[in-house]
Amino acid sequence: MLRVILVSIVLTVVSFQVVHSQANIGFVTGGDLYQRYVNPEDGTGFDQSAGSAILNSTLGLKTWLGTRKVALSIESYVNLGVLGLNVEEYYGLGTMHIPVMAKLNFGGLTGLGDLKRFGYYIGGGWQINKTELFGLNDKAQDRGIQRPYYNTYVVEIGTGRGNKSKMTEFFVRFGLNPEMPSNSLSIGLNTSYSFPFMKMPSFNVTPEKDERDVIKM
């Protein structure tokens, strides 16, 4: 009987949230301030890592549903690290990752409030990773080094400030795949913009009248 009552309360709360919820859709841009990858072992004995701290750009899509206090979002984007490489020995250039994540957002990062406020979130999902994106050099190929696409399961936390038109967040995301030992790490800044509420600059603004002129009139 107690279980039935608890389940009924939970369903009532969820139904209330759904009925009173709002939805939004937009896009994500920004980039990683630092990123590091460790590829699956290829049996060669050479270092499997790569990373980058500059020119790591992000672009993707995001949608979210909830209230001003709490919202669930789903997002996916491509991050391209043009200058990503192995710092111990150069094998090739470029990194890429594509996360697909769900996040539980609170406060200003729900993306549904009118006023800009601070907020935070926690989320997770799945990510595709690739290093030496533009190809392995002859030295790497002679050594039998391989850099295939590999997957990691990711967890992300972040904090930032936002409202229903724009959200800016600082995040840390770590990924791990124990089945084929490998991992990924991203630390960065992303900004999400809402399509329905995105503010566009106006080039036809009429200068406001001086208060003294209004008084004279």
Protein backbone atom coordinates (compact mmCIF):
# COMPACT_ATOMS: atom_id res chain seq x y z
CA MET A 1 0.00 0.00 0.00
CA LEU A 2 2.83 2.38 0.88
CA ARG A 3 4.54 1.68 -2.46
CA VAL A 4 1.33 2.49 -4.30
CA ILE A 5 1.02 5.80 -2.46
CA LEU A 6 4.66 6.72 -3.17
CA VAL A 7 4.35 5.81 -6.85
CA SER A 8 1.14 7.85 -7.10
CA ILE A 9 2.85 10.87 -5.55
CA VAL A 10 5.83 10.58 -7.91
CA LEU A 11 3.57 10.24 -10.96
CA THR A 12 1.51 13.22 -9.83
CA VAL A 13 4.63 15.38 -9.43
CA VAL A 14 6.01 14.29 -12.81
CA SER A 15 2.66 14.94 -14.50
CA PHE A 16 2.50 18.38 -12.91
CA GLN A 17 6.00 19.18 -14.15
CA VAL A 18 5.17 18.01 -17.69
CA VAL A 19 1.93 19.99 -17.84
CA HIS A 20 3.63 23.15 -16.59
CA SER A 21 6.85 22.65 -18.53
CA GLN A 22 8.23 24.64 -21.42
CA ALA A 23 10.32 23.52 -24.37
CA ASN A 24 13.09 25.21 -26.29
CA ILE A 25 15.54 24.42 -29.07
CA GLY A 26 18.79 26.00 -30.16
CA PHE A 27 22.42 25.48 -31.02
CA VAL A 28 25.70 25.11 -29.12
CA THR A 29 28.99 26.80 -29.94
CA GLY A 30 32.26 27.37 -28.10
CA GLY A 31 35.27 25.15 -27.58
CA ASP A 32 37.65 23.26 -25.32
CA LEU A 33 40.31 25.13 -23.38
CA TYR A 34 42.09 21.81 -22.95
CA GLN A 35 41.47 18.31 -24.24
CA ARG A 36 43.29 14.98 -23.98
CA TYR A 37 42.69 11.55 -25.48
CA VAL A 38 44.15 8.13 -24.74
CA ASN A 39 43.52 5.70 -27.60
CA PRO A 40 42.92 1.97 -27.12
CA GLU A 41 46.08 -0.14 -26.91
CA ASP A 42 47.31 -1.17 -30.38
CA GLY A 43 50.07 -3.54 -29.28
CA THR A 44 52.94 -1.41 -30.56
CA GLY A 45 54.10 -0.17 -27.16
CA PHE A 46 54.19 3.47 -28.29
CA ASP A 47 52.35 6.30 -26.55
CA GLN A 48 48.61 6.34 -27.27
CA SER A 49 47.77 9.89 -26.20
CA ALA A 50 47.06 13.16 -28.00
CA GLY A 51 45.78 16.53 -26.94
CA SER A 52 45.40 20.23 -27.62
CA ALA A 53 44.95 23.53 -25.80
CA ILE A 54 44.16 25.85 -28.73
CA LEU A 55 41.75 26.00 -31.68
CA ASN A 56 39.27 23.41 -30.39
CA SER A 57 35.96 24.62 -31.84
CA THR A 58 32.45 23.31 -31.15
CA LEU A 59 29.18 23.49 -33.11
CA GLY A 60 26.00 21.47 -32.63
CA LEU A 61 22.32 21.33 -31.64
CA LYS A 62 20.47 21.28 -28.33
CA THR A 63 16.89 20.91 -27.12
CA TRP A 64 15.51 21.21 -23.60
CA LEU A 65 12.27 20.72 -21.66
CA GLY A 66 11.31 21.67 -18.12
CA THR A 67 10.61 24.61 -15.84
CA ARG A 68 12.61 27.64 -14.76
CA LYS A 69 13.97 25.68 -11.79
CA VAL A 70 14.90 22.37 -13.41
CA ALA A 71 15.07 21.16 -17.00
CA LEU A 72 16.25 18.15 -18.99
CA SER A 73 18.34 18.86 -22.09
CA ILE A 74 19.70 16.71 -24.90
CA GLU A 75 22.59 17.90 -27.04
CA SER A 76 25.12 16.73 -29.58
CA TYR A 77 27.90 18.57 -31.34
CA VAL A 78 31.16 18.20 -33.20
CA ASN A 79 34.38 19.46 -31.64
CA LEU A 80 37.33 19.84 -33.99
CA GLY A 81 40.86 20.33 -32.66
CA VAL A 82 42.81 21.52 -35.68
CA LEU A 83 46.20 21.45 -33.89
CA GLY A 84 45.70 18.37 -31.72
CA LEU A 85 48.73 16.05 -31.62
CA ASN A 86 50.90 13.69 -29.57
CA VAL A 87 53.32 15.86 -27.61
CA GLU A 88 55.90 13.10 -27.10
CA GLU A 89 56.37 12.29 -30.77
CA TYR A 90 54.58 13.67 -33.80
CA TYR A 91 52.47 11.09 -35.66
CA GLY A 92 49.84 13.28 -37.30
CA LEU A 93 47.56 16.24 -36.75
CA GLY A 94 43.99 16.92 -35.69
CA THR A 95 41.50 15.61 -33.14
CA MET A 96 37.72 15.26 -33.10
CA HIS A 97 35.02 14.16 -30.72
CA ILE A 98 31.22 13.96 -30.97
CA PRO A 99 29.36 13.68 -27.65
CA VAL A 100 25.68 12.77 -27.36
CA MET A 101 24.51 13.75 -23.88
CA ALA A 102 21.52 14.24 -21.60
CA LYS A 103 21.82 16.80 -18.81
CA LEU A 104 19.82 17.74 -15.74
CA ASN A 105 20.01 21.54 -15.46
CA PHE A 106 19.22 23.83 -12.53
CA GLY A 107 18.79 27.60 -12.06
CA GLY A 108 19.92 29.85 -14.89
CA LEU A 109 21.11 26.93 -17.02
CA THR A 110 17.59 25.55 -17.51
CA GLY A 111 17.35 27.99 -20.41
CA LEU A 112 13.76 28.81 -19.57
CA GLY A 113 13.96 31.84 -17.27
CA ASP A 114 13.48 35.47 -18.24
CA LEU A 115 16.21 36.84 -15.98
CA LYS A 116 19.88 35.94 -16.32
CA ARG A 117 20.93 33.83 -13.32
CA PHE A 118 23.65 31.44 -12.23
CA GLY A 119 23.05 27.72 -12.52
CA TYR A 120 24.67 24.32 -12.72
CA TYR A 121 24.13 20.89 -14.26
CA ILE A 122 25.22 17.27 -14.30
CA GLY A 123 24.96 14.99 -17.30
CA GLY A 124 26.33 12.07 -19.19
CA GLY A 125 26.18 10.02 -22.33
CA TRP A 126 28.36 8.61 -25.07
CA GLN A 127 31.15 10.06 -27.18
CA ILE A 128 32.99 9.20 -30.42
CA ASN A 129 36.69 10.16 -30.43
CA LYS A 130 39.41 10.37 -33.10
CA THR A 131 43.03 11.52 -32.99
CA GLU A 132 45.48 12.02 -35.86
CA LEU A 133 42.35 13.03 -37.74
CA PHE A 134 44.13 14.17 -40.89
CA GLY A 135 46.17 10.99 -41.22
CA LEU A 136 49.15 9.16 -39.73
CA ASN A 137 52.60 10.00 -41.07
CA ASP A 138 54.99 7.45 -42.58
CA LYS A 139 56.85 6.91 -39.30
CA ALA A 140 53.61 5.98 -37.49
CA GLN A 141 52.51 3.66 -40.27
CA ASP A 142 55.91 1.92 -40.35
CA ARG A 143 55.59 1.29 -36.60
CA GLY A 144 52.12 -0.19 -37.04
CA ILE A 145 50.45 2.53 -34.99
CA GLN A 146 46.68 2.67 -35.38
CA ARG A 147 44.31 5.48 -34.56
CA PRO A 148 40.76 4.21 -35.14
CA TYR A 149 37.56 5.90 -33.98
CA TYR A 150 36.84 4.81 -30.41
CA ASN A 151 33.97 5.31 -27.97
CA THR A 152 33.91 6.50 -24.37
CA TYR A 153 31.10 6.76 -21.82
CA VAL A 154 31.15 10.33 -20.54
CA VAL A 155 30.12 12.22 -17.40
CA GLU A 156 30.00 16.03 -17.43
CA ILE A 157 29.50 18.72 -14.79
CA GLY A 158 29.24 22.43 -15.39
CA THR A 159 28.27 25.82 -14.03
CA GLY A 160 27.43 29.11 -15.66
CA ARG A 161 24.89 31.83 -16.22
CA GLY A 162 21.96 32.17 -18.55
CA ASN A 163 18.34 32.80 -19.42
CA LYS A 164 15.93 31.63 -22.13
CA SER A 165 17.87 33.32 -24.94
CA LYS A 166 21.49 32.51 -24.06
CA MET A 167 23.44 30.28 -21.65
CA THR A 168 27.20 30.29 -21.09
CA GLU A 169 28.76 27.41 -19.17
CA PHE A 170 32.16 26.22 -17.97
CA PHE A 171 32.38 22.43 -18.02
CA VAL A 172 34.56 19.42 -17.29
CA ARG A 173 33.82 16.16 -19.12
CA PHE A 174 35.57 12.85 -18.56
CA GLY A 175 35.08 9.71 -20.63
CA LEU A 176 36.13 6.11 -20.08
CA ASN A 177 35.78 2.81 -21.87
CA PRO A 178 36.93 -0.09 -19.66
CA GLU A 179 36.22 -2.71 -22.34
CA MET A 180 39.01 -1.36 -24.56
CA PRO A 181 41.02 0.70 -22.05
CA SER A 182 40.80 4.27 -23.33
CA ASN A 183 39.67 7.65 -22.06
CA SER A 184 38.94 11.26 -22.98
CA LEU A 185 38.98 14.58 -21.16
CA SER A 186 37.58 17.99 -22.11
CA ILE A 187 37.62 21.26 -20.18
CA GLY A 188 36.02 24.22 -21.88
CA LEU A 189 33.45 26.95 -22.38
CA ASN A 190 30.26 26.53 -24.41
CA THR A 191 27.42 28.92 -25.18
CA SER A 192 23.90 27.82 -26.09
CA TYR A 193 21.56 30.08 -28.06
CA SER A 194 17.79 29.65 -28.32
CA PHE A 195 16.30 29.82 -31.81
CA PRO A 196 12.93 31.27 -30.66
CA PHE A 197 14.43 33.84 -28.26
CA MET A 198 17.78 34.61 -29.87
CA LYS A 199 18.43 38.36 -29.75
CA MET A 200 19.66 39.79 -33.03
CA PRO A 201 21.48 43.13 -33.22
CA SER A 202 19.39 46.02 -34.53
CA PHE A 203 20.97 48.40 -37.03
CA ASN A 204 17.97 50.75 -37.18
CA VAL A 205 17.82 51.94 -33.60
CA THR A 206 16.39 55.43 -33.18
CA PRO A 207 18.40 57.42 -30.63
CA GLU A 208 16.40 58.05 -27.49
CA LYS A 209 15.44 61.64 -26.80
CA ASP A 210 17.30 63.44 -24.07
CA GLU A 211 15.20 63.64 -20.92
CA ARG A 212 15.65 67.44 -20.87
CA ASP A 213 14.20 67.70 -24.37
CA VAL A 214 11.17 65.74 -23.28
CA ILE A 215 10.65 68.09 -20.34
CA LYS A 216 10.91 71.13 -22.64
CA MET A 217 8.26 69.68 -24.91
